[in-house]
Amino acid sequence: MTTVFETGKSAEEMRKQNPENFNVIVDGRSVRPPRRFVYIHSVAKRDFGPLNHALFPKLRLRGCTSGERSVLCAKIGDPIPQSSPDQERGGNRIDEHDAWAAASDLIMPRSDKEGGDYVARGIFLSLSETPSDEEIKRAENARDDRFRKLTQKAFRLEATNPRALNEYLLEEPDVHLAMDMLGLEAAWHKRNEVKATCPNCGDLIKPGIAFHQSSAGILCVIDEEKYQRMKRMSEPEKRGPGRPPKDHNEL
């Protein structure tokens, strides 16, 4: 007995009648919700992009240009669907890519063709939309370590090869940014004071301070432990009863 499946029109005939809508491949996975999200965060001090990546075309990686401690660059559903030509059966197929692996390849490519190692510049991945303090500190350490290496090379060239220093400053614009972030000065660098946003009151402050006088006229403590330690150091030493005053030369 012949069935309708055997006597129906062929895929080639159906494709001719429906050139825009027909796809021989039916893949329900392409419409299912993501099983999780991968977030790209940044503690970098400038923007990067647009980047040239097949899965993230024209993506820009934001930097903390307004004094933020960290910013969210992108939210990526996992897995990442990608429509690709099916050379064997015709039409298109849906390939799925692990979002964590793809995002890792984006921010830490295997070659410098895409702009280099963005992890060293302060870009990092997280499974949380709001990164933990530990994740942020790890990214800040990577960024600052690169800044120290940039400035160390600049000072070395200043002492040994001033001509090469000028070329280096033109090729690596982050040297001046690193000088500002580390609070360093040099004859070839005009200091531009970098400000950060206070997590408590929102005022612009110097990065890394433990407390400051807010615009509202009150003391704003950012790091309680560091603040108390500095406070104890500034207080006069308490001496026991009957003990003579401490001589200035006493060690």
C-alpha atoms as a PDB file:
ATOM      1  CA  MET A   1       0.000   0.000   0.000  1.00  0.00           C
ATOM      2  CA  THR A   2       1.361   3.408  -0.989  1.00  0.00           C
ATOM      3  CA  THR A   3       1.207   6.129   1.697  1.00  0.00           C
ATOM      4  CA  VAL A   4       0.839   9.881   1.278  1.00  0.00           C
ATOM      5  CA  PHE A   5       4.423  10.297   2.450  1.00  0.00           C
ATOM      6  CA  GLU A   6       5.594   8.325  -0.554  1.00  0.00           C
ATOM      7  CA  THR A   7       3.348  10.090  -3.056  1.00  0.00           C
ATOM      8  CA  GLY A   8       3.700  13.655  -1.713  1.00  0.00           C
ATOM      9  CA  LYS A   9       5.723  16.391  -3.382  1.00  0.00           C
ATOM     10  CA  SER A  10       9.477  16.257  -3.042  1.00  0.00           C
ATOM     11  CA  ALA A  11      11.480  18.690  -0.967  1.00  0.00           C
ATOM     12  CA  GLU A  12      12.892  20.173  -4.169  1.00  0.00           C
ATOM     13  CA  GLU A  13       9.415  20.909  -5.529  1.00  0.00           C
ATOM     14  CA  MET A  14       8.277  22.404  -2.232  1.00  0.00           C
ATOM     15  CA  ARG A  15      11.364  24.600  -2.118  1.00  0.00           C
ATOM     16  CA  LYS A  16      10.598  25.944  -5.593  1.00  0.00           C
ATOM     17  CA  GLN A  17       7.066  26.857  -4.519  1.00  0.00           C
ATOM     18  CA  ASN A  18       8.204  28.410  -1.227  1.00  0.00           C
ATOM     19  CA  PRO A  19      11.659  29.892  -1.894  1.00  0.00           C
ATOM     20  CA  GLU A  20      11.608  32.259   1.103  1.00  0.00           C
ATOM     21  CA  ASN A  21       9.874  30.207   3.780  1.00  0.00           C
ATOM     22  CA  PHE A  22      10.814  26.599   3.169  1.00  0.00           C
ATOM     23  CA  ASN A  23      13.515  25.040   5.289  1.00  0.00           C
ATOM     24  CA  VAL A  24      13.996  21.302   5.149  1.00  0.00           C
ATOM     25  CA  ILE A  25      15.550  21.334   8.630  1.00  0.00           C
ATOM     26  CA  VAL A  26      13.172  21.648  11.583  1.00  0.00           C
ATOM     27  CA  ASP A  27      15.013  22.261  14.834  1.00  0.00           C
ATOM     28  CA  GLY A  28      12.943  23.014  17.926  1.00  0.00           C
ATOM     29  CA  ARG A  29      16.085  23.733  19.949  1.00  0.00           C
ATOM     30  CA  SER A  30      16.444  27.090  18.221  1.00  0.00           C
ATOM     31  CA  VAL A  31      13.378  28.476  19.995  1.00  0.00           C
ATOM     32  CA  ARG A  32      13.806  27.034  23.480  1.00  0.00           C
ATOM     33  CA  PRO A  33      14.711  29.426  26.301  1.00  0.00           C
ATOM     34  CA  PRO A  34      18.345  29.709  27.497  1.00  0.00           C
ATOM     35  CA  ARG A  35      19.332  27.356  30.294  1.00  0.00           C
ATOM     36  CA  ARG A  36      21.394  30.141  31.894  1.00  0.00           C
ATOM     37  CA  PHE A  37      22.977  33.511  31.142  1.00  0.00           C
ATOM     38  CA  VAL A  38      26.632  34.519  30.954  1.00  0.00           C
ATOM     39  CA  TYR A  39      27.460  38.136  31.785  1.00  0.00           C
ATOM     40  CA  ILE A  40      30.427  40.149  30.513  1.00  0.00           C
ATOM     41  CA  HIS A  41      31.524  42.784  33.046  1.00  0.00           C
ATOM     42  CA  SER A  42      34.252  45.401  32.919  1.00  0.00           C
ATOM     43  CA  VAL A  43      36.504  47.324  35.287  1.00  0.00           C
ATOM     44  CA  ALA A  44      38.472  48.689  32.312  1.00  0.00           C
ATOM     45  CA  LYS A  45      38.982  52.437  32.174  1.00  0.00           C
ATOM     46  CA  ARG A  46      37.993  52.857  28.513  1.00  0.00           C
ATOM     47  CA  ASP A  47      35.674  51.346  25.886  1.00  0.00           C
ATOM     48  CA  PHE A  48      36.697  48.724  23.337  1.00  0.00           C
ATOM     49  CA  GLY A  49      35.152  47.852  20.004  1.00  0.00           C
ATOM     50  CA  PRO A  50      33.228  47.232  17.978  1.00  0.00           C
ATOM     51  CA  LEU A  51      34.790  43.778  18.020  1.00  0.00           C
ATOM     52  CA  ASN A  52      34.976  41.457  15.040  1.00  0.00           C
ATOM     53  CA  HIS A  53      33.594  38.103  16.177  1.00  0.00           C
ATOM     54  CA  ALA A  54      31.224  35.764  14.312  1.00  0.00           C
ATOM     55  CA  LEU A  55      28.952  35.236  17.333  1.00  0.00           C
ATOM     56  CA  PHE A  56      29.151  38.810  18.638  1.00  0.00           C
ATOM     57  CA  PRO A  57      29.156  41.090  15.578  1.00  0.00           C
ATOM     58  CA  LYS A  58      29.777  44.752  16.354  1.00  0.00           C
ATOM     59  CA  LEU A  59      29.762  44.203  20.125  1.00  0.00           C
ATOM     60  CA  ARG A  60      31.234  47.037  22.182  1.00  0.00           C
ATOM     61  CA  LEU A  61      32.820  46.423  25.577  1.00  0.00           C
ATOM     62  CA  ARG A  62      32.032  49.337  27.866  1.00  0.00           C
ATOM     63  CA  GLY A  63      34.544  50.800  30.263  1.00  0.00           C
ATOM     64  CA  CYS A  64      34.163  52.562  33.612  1.00  0.00           C
ATOM     65  CA  THR A  65      34.410  56.011  32.057  1.00  0.00           C
ATOM     66  CA  SER A  66      32.133  57.795  34.536  1.00  0.00           C
ATOM     67  CA  GLY A  67      33.785  56.698  37.768  1.00  0.00           C
ATOM     68  CA  GLU A  68      31.945  53.383  38.204  1.00  0.00           C
ATOM     69  CA  ARG A  69      33.753  50.507  39.840  1.00  0.00           C
ATOM     70  CA  SER A  70      32.353  48.007  37.313  1.00  0.00           C
ATOM     71  CA  VAL A  71      29.868  48.050  34.424  1.00  0.00           C
ATOM     72  CA  LEU A  72      27.848  45.401  32.573  1.00  0.00           C
ATOM     73  CA  CYS A  73      28.885  44.973  28.933  1.00  0.00           C
ATOM     74  CA  ALA A  74      26.641  42.151  27.699  1.00  0.00           C
ATOM     75  CA  LYS A  75      24.136  39.486  28.741  1.00  0.00           C
ATOM     76  CA  ILE A  76      24.426  36.279  26.708  1.00  0.00           C
ATOM     77  CA  GLY A  77      21.943  33.403  26.610  1.00  0.00           C
ATOM     78  CA  ASP A  78      23.435  29.921  26.837  1.00  0.00           C
ATOM     79  CA  PRO A  79      23.645  28.148  24.417  1.00  0.00           C
ATOM     80  CA  ILE A  80      24.192  30.642  21.586  1.00  0.00           C
ATOM     81  CA  PRO A  81      22.259  29.616  18.419  1.00  0.00           C
ATOM     82  CA  GLN A  82      23.919  30.192  15.060  1.00  0.00           C
ATOM     83  CA  SER A  83      22.281  29.654  11.682  1.00  0.00           C
ATOM     84  CA  SER A  84      24.655  27.879   9.284  1.00  0.00           C
ATOM     85  CA  PRO A  85      24.282  26.480   5.728  1.00  0.00           C
ATOM     86  CA  ASP A  86      23.695  22.717   5.703  1.00  0.00           C
ATOM     87  CA  GLN A  87      25.948  21.424   2.932  1.00  0.00           C
ATOM     88  CA  GLU A  88      24.612  17.864   3.132  1.00  0.00           C
ATOM     89  CA  ARG A  89      20.833  18.284   3.233  1.00  0.00           C
ATOM     90  CA  GLY A  90      20.419  21.842   1.967  1.00  0.00           C
ATOM     91  CA  GLY A  91      18.848  24.834   3.660  1.00  0.00           C
ATOM     92  CA  ASN A  92      20.118  26.001   7.025  1.00  0.00           C
ATOM     93  CA  ARG A  93      20.763  24.296  10.314  1.00  0.00           C
ATOM     94  CA  ILE A  94      21.016  25.667  13.830  1.00  0.00           C
ATOM     95  CA  ASP A  95      24.339  25.136  15.558  1.00  0.00           C
ATOM     96  CA  GLU A  96      24.594  25.730  19.293  1.00  0.00           C
ATOM     97  CA  HIS A  97      27.680  27.101  21.013  1.00  0.00           C
ATOM     98  CA  ASP A  98      28.552  27.066  24.693  1.00  0.00           C
ATOM     99  CA  ALA A  99      28.179  30.694  25.813  1.00  0.00           C
ATOM    100  CA  TRP A 100      30.952  30.568  28.416  1.00  0.00           C
ATOM    101  CA  ALA A 101      33.467  29.135  25.932  1.00  0.00           C
ATOM    102  CA  ALA A 102      32.437  31.598  23.218  1.00  0.00           C
ATOM    103  CA  ALA A 103      32.614  34.605  25.550  1.00  0.00           C
ATOM    104  CA  SER A 104      36.010  33.437  26.842  1.00  0.00           C
ATOM    105  CA  ASP A 105      37.265  33.307  23.261  1.00  0.00           C
ATOM    106  CA  LEU A 106      35.944  36.823  22.743  1.00  0.00           C
ATOM    107  CA  ILE A 107      37.708  38.473  25.697  1.00  0.00           C
ATOM    108  CA  MET A 108      40.869  36.355  25.579  1.00  0.00           C
ATOM    109  CA  PRO A 109      41.477  35.510  21.895  1.00  0.00           C
ATOM    110  CA  ARG A 110      44.247  33.220  20.750  1.00  0.00           C
ATOM    111  CA  SER A 111      45.909  35.975  18.728  1.00  0.00           C
ATOM    112  CA  ASP A 112      46.319  39.746  18.921  1.00  0.00           C
ATOM    113  CA  LYS A 113      44.362  40.302  15.693  1.00  0.00           C
ATOM    114  CA  GLU A 114      41.195  41.119  17.631  1.00  0.00           C
ATOM    115  CA  GLY A 115      42.824  43.656  19.934  1.00  0.00           C
ATOM    116  CA  GLY A 116      44.690  41.504  22.422  1.00  0.00           C
ATOM    117  CA  ASP A 117      43.906  40.125  25.831  1.00  0.00           C
ATOM    118  CA  TYR A 118      40.884  41.973  27.234  1.00  0.00           C
ATOM    119  CA  VAL A 119      41.086  40.048  30.520  1.00  0.00           C
ATOM    120  CA  ALA A 120      44.327  41.907  31.264  1.00  0.00           C
ATOM    121  CA  ARG A 121      42.477  45.141  30.526  1.00  0.00           C
ATOM    122  CA  GLY A 122      39.773  44.436  33.118  1.00  0.00           C
ATOM    123  CA  ILE A 123      37.069  42.515  31.211  1.00  0.00           C
ATOM    124  CA  PHE A 124      35.701  39.432  32.999  1.00  0.00           C
ATOM    125  CA  LEU A 125      32.905  36.841  32.863  1.00  0.00           C
ATOM    126  CA  SER A 126      30.387  35.979  35.543  1.00  0.00           C
ATOM    127  CA  LEU A 127      27.236  33.896  35.930  1.00  0.00           C
ATOM    128  CA  SER A 128      25.747  36.733  37.999  1.00  0.00           C
ATOM    129  CA  GLU A 129      24.286  39.972  36.695  1.00  0.00           C
ATOM    130  CA  THR A 130      25.769  41.660  39.768  1.00  0.00           C
ATOM    131  CA  PRO A 131      29.354  40.415  40.169  1.00  0.00           C
ATOM    132  CA  SER A 132      30.758  39.557  43.577  1.00  0.00           C
ATOM    133  CA  ASP A 133      33.382  41.716  45.272  1.00  0.00           C
ATOM    134  CA  GLU A 134      35.882  38.877  44.816  1.00  0.00           C
ATOM    135  CA  GLU A 135      35.264  38.789  41.045  1.00  0.00           C
ATOM    136  CA  ILE A 136      35.669  42.560  40.784  1.00  0.00           C
ATOM    137  CA  LYS A 137      38.883  42.565  42.842  1.00  0.00           C
ATOM    138  CA  ARG A 138      40.368  39.807  40.680  1.00  0.00           C
ATOM    139  CA  ALA A 139      39.646  41.844  37.551  1.00  0.00           C
ATOM    140  CA  GLU A 140      41.030  45.012  39.150  1.00  0.00           C
ATOM    141  CA  ASN A 141      44.252  43.181  40.062  1.00  0.00           C
ATOM    142  CA  ALA A 142      44.658  41.978  36.467  1.00  0.00           C
ATOM    143  CA  ARG A 143      44.062  45.496  35.145  1.00  0.00           C
ATOM    144  CA  ASP A 144      46.438  47.153  37.622  1.00  0.00           C
ATOM    145  CA  ASP A 145      49.137  44.537  37.013  1.00  0.00           C
ATOM    146  CA  ARG A 146      49.065  45.443  33.322  1.00  0.00           C
ATOM    147  CA  PHE A 147      49.144  49.145  34.198  1.00  0.00           C
ATOM    148  CA  ARG A 148      52.275  48.607  36.320  1.00  0.00           C
ATOM    149  CA  LYS A 149      54.008  46.747  33.495  1.00  0.00           C
ATOM    150  CA  LEU A 150      53.154  49.537  31.026  1.00  0.00           C
ATOM    151  CA  THR A 151      54.573  52.266  33.275  1.00  0.00           C
ATOM    152  CA  GLN A 152      57.669  50.261  34.199  1.00  0.00           C
ATOM    153  CA  LYS A 153      58.533  49.888  30.514  1.00  0.00           C
ATOM    154  CA  ALA A 154      57.958  53.607  29.942  1.00  0.00           C
ATOM    155  CA  PHE A 155      60.293  54.631  32.767  1.00  0.00           C
ATOM    156  CA  ARG A 156      62.900  52.140  31.553  1.00  0.00           C
ATOM    157  CA  LEU A 157      62.768  53.603  28.033  1.00  0.00           C
ATOM    158  CA  GLU A 158      62.930  57.148  29.456  1.00  0.00           C
ATOM    159  CA  ALA A 159      66.241  56.269  31.092  1.00  0.00           C
ATOM    160  CA  THR A 160      67.751  54.301  28.202  1.00  0.00           C
ATOM    161  CA  ASN A 161      66.137  55.307  24.908  1.00  0.00           C
ATOM    162  CA  PRO A 162      64.006  58.506  24.848  1.00  0.00           C
ATOM    163  CA  ARG A 163      63.299  58.136  21.127  1.00  0.00           C
ATOM    164  CA  ALA A 164      61.877  54.667  21.657  1.00  0.00           C
ATOM    165  CA  LEU A 165      59.793  56.081  24.528  1.00  0.00           C
ATOM    166  CA  ASN A 166      58.029  58.484  22.168  1.00  0.00           C
ATOM    167  CA  GLU A 167      57.228  55.646  19.780  1.00  0.00           C
ATOM    168  CA  TYR A 168      56.010  53.510  22.673  1.00  0.00           C
ATOM    169  CA  LEU A 169      53.655  56.247  23.912  1.00  0.00           C
ATOM    170  CA  LEU A 170      52.147  56.559  20.435  1.00  0.00           C
ATOM    171  CA  GLU A 171      51.702  52.809  20.036  1.00  0.00           C
ATOM    172  CA  GLU A 172      50.312  52.200  23.540  1.00  0.00           C
ATOM    173  CA  PRO A 173      47.874  54.958  24.575  1.00  0.00           C
ATOM    174  CA  ASP A 174      47.036  53.117  27.817  1.00  0.00           C
ATOM    175  CA  VAL A 175      50.395  54.221  29.276  1.00  0.00           C
ATOM    176  CA  HIS A 176      48.995  57.664  30.122  1.00  0.00           C
ATOM    177  CA  LEU A 177      45.852  56.067  31.525  1.00  0.00           C
ATOM    178  CA  ALA A 178      48.006  53.768  33.657  1.00  0.00           C
ATOM    179  CA  MET A 179      50.024  56.738  34.953  1.00  0.00           C
ATOM    180  CA  ASP A 180      46.822  58.454  36.086  1.00  0.00           C
ATOM    181  CA  MET A 181      45.396  55.335  37.696  1.00  0.00           C
ATOM    182  CA  LEU A 182      48.613  54.632  39.622  1.00  0.00           C
ATOM    183  CA  GLY A 183      49.104  58.281  40.601  1.00  0.00           C
ATOM    184  CA  LEU A 184      52.485  58.573  38.864  1.00  0.00           C
ATOM    185  CA  GLU A 185      54.105  61.627  37.318  1.00  0.00           C
ATOM    186  CA  ALA A 186      56.757  62.151  34.660  1.00  0.00           C
ATOM    187  CA  ALA A 187      58.078  64.866  32.382  1.00  0.00           C
ATOM    188  CA  TRP A 188      56.344  63.210  29.417  1.00  0.00           C
ATOM    189  CA  HIS A 189      52.978  62.818  31.180  1.00  0.00           C
ATOM    190  CA  LYS A 190      50.473  65.521  32.081  1.00  0.00           C
ATOM    191  CA  ARG A 191      48.512  64.250  35.037  1.00  0.00           C
ATOM    192  CA  ASN A 192      44.768  63.892  34.671  1.00  0.00           C
ATOM    193  CA  GLU A 193      43.236  63.081  38.043  1.00  0.00           C
ATOM    194  CA  VAL A 194      40.946  60.054  37.844  1.00  0.00           C
ATOM    195  CA  LYS A 195      37.758  60.115  39.885  1.00  0.00           C
ATOM    196  CA  ALA A 196      35.561  57.262  41.070  1.00  0.00           C
ATOM    197  CA  THR A 197      31.944  57.200  42.217  1.00  0.00           C
ATOM    198  CA  CYS A 198      31.430  56.724  45.961  1.00  0.00           C
ATOM    199  CA  PRO A 199      29.340  53.561  46.488  1.00  0.00           C
ATOM    200  CA  ASN A 200      27.606  55.202  49.473  1.00  0.00           C
ATOM    201  CA  CYS A 201      26.701  58.751  48.477  1.00  0.00           C
ATOM    202  CA  GLY A 202      27.492  58.914  44.752  1.00  0.00           C
ATOM    203  CA  ASP A 203      30.027  61.765  45.012  1.00  0.00           C
ATOM    204  CA  LEU A 204      33.107  61.742  42.782  1.00  0.00           C
ATOM    205  CA  ILE A 205      36.110  60.775  44.911  1.00  0.00           C
ATOM    206  CA  LYS A 206      39.715  59.619  44.601  1.00  0.00           C
ATOM    207  CA  PRO A 207      39.896  55.846  44.034  1.00  0.00           C
ATOM    208  CA  GLY A 208      40.874  53.731  47.038  1.00  0.00           C
ATOM    209  CA  ILE A 209      40.146  56.200  49.847  1.00  0.00           C
ATOM    210  CA  ALA A 210      38.555  54.904  53.067  1.00  0.00           C
ATOM    211  CA  PHE A 211      36.375  57.950  53.815  1.00  0.00           C
ATOM    212  CA  HIS A 212      35.626  61.475  52.650  1.00  0.00           C
ATOM    213  CA  GLN A 213      33.576  64.551  53.430  1.00  0.00           C
ATOM    214  CA  SER A 214      30.443  64.226  51.289  1.00  0.00           C
ATOM    215  CA  SER A 215      28.755  67.046  49.395  1.00  0.00           C
ATOM    216  CA  ALA A 216      26.037  66.893  52.070  1.00  0.00           C
ATOM    217  CA  GLY A 217      28.613  67.969  54.670  1.00  0.00           C
ATOM    218  CA  ILE A 218      28.800  64.674  56.581  1.00  0.00           C
ATOM    219  CA  LEU A 219      31.546  62.069  56.965  1.00  0.00           C
ATOM    220  CA  CYS A 220      31.033  59.235  54.501  1.00  0.00           C
ATOM    221  CA  VAL A 221      32.909  56.035  55.479  1.00  0.00           C
ATOM    222  CA  ILE A 222      33.555  53.611  52.611  1.00  0.00           C
ATOM    223  CA  ASP A 223      35.938  51.116  54.245  1.00  0.00           C
ATOM    224  CA  GLU A 224      35.080  50.852  57.961  1.00  0.00           C
ATOM    225  CA  GLU A 225      38.075  48.665  58.855  1.00  0.00           C
ATOM    226  CA  LYS A 226      40.589  50.927  57.129  1.00  0.00           C
ATOM    227  CA  TYR A 227      38.907  54.014  58.563  1.00  0.00           C
ATOM    228  CA  GLN A 228      39.130  52.716  62.156  1.00  0.00           C
ATOM    229  CA  ARG A 229      42.786  51.745  61.658  1.00  0.00           C
ATOM    230  CA  MET A 230      43.673  55.223  60.376  1.00  0.00           C
ATOM    231  CA  LYS A 231      41.681  56.775  63.201  1.00  0.00           C
ATOM    232  CA  ARG A 232      43.625  54.803  65.826  1.00  0.00           C
ATOM    233  CA  MET A 233      46.928  55.793  64.250  1.00  0.00           C
ATOM    234  CA  SER A 234      46.030  59.490  64.410  1.00  0.00           C
ATOM    235  CA  GLU A 235      44.936  59.422  68.062  1.00  0.00           C
ATOM    236  CA  PRO A 236      47.514  60.446  70.751  1.00  0.00           C
ATOM    237  CA  GLU A 237      48.971  57.584  72.738  1.00  0.00           C
ATOM    238  CA  LYS A 238      47.274  56.993  76.094  1.00  0.00           C
ATOM    239  CA  ARG A 239      49.768  56.653  78.949  1.00  0.00           C
ATOM    240  CA  GLY A 240      49.204  54.922  82.267  1.00  0.00           C
ATOM    241  CA  PRO A 241      48.776  56.830  85.550  1.00  0.00           C
ATOM    242  CA  GLY A 242      52.009  58.101  87.085  1.00  0.00           C
ATOM    243  CA  ARG A 243      53.973  57.416  83.919  1.00  0.00           C
ATOM    244  CA  PRO A 244      56.164  60.363  82.877  1.00  0.00           C
ATOM    245  CA  PRO A 245      55.491  62.004  79.507  1.00  0.00           C
ATOM    246  CA  LYS A 246      57.184  60.331  76.590  1.00  0.00           C
ATOM    247  CA  ASP A 247      60.397  62.013  75.559  1.00  0.00           C
ATOM    248  CA  HIS A 248      60.570  63.046  71.920  1.00  0.00           C
ATOM    249  CA  ASN A 249      63.738  61.019  71.490  1.00  0.00           C
ATOM    250  CA  GLU A 250      62.264  57.895  73.080  1.00  0.00           C
ATOM    251  CA  LEU A 251      62.022  55.010  70.616  1.00  0.00           C
END
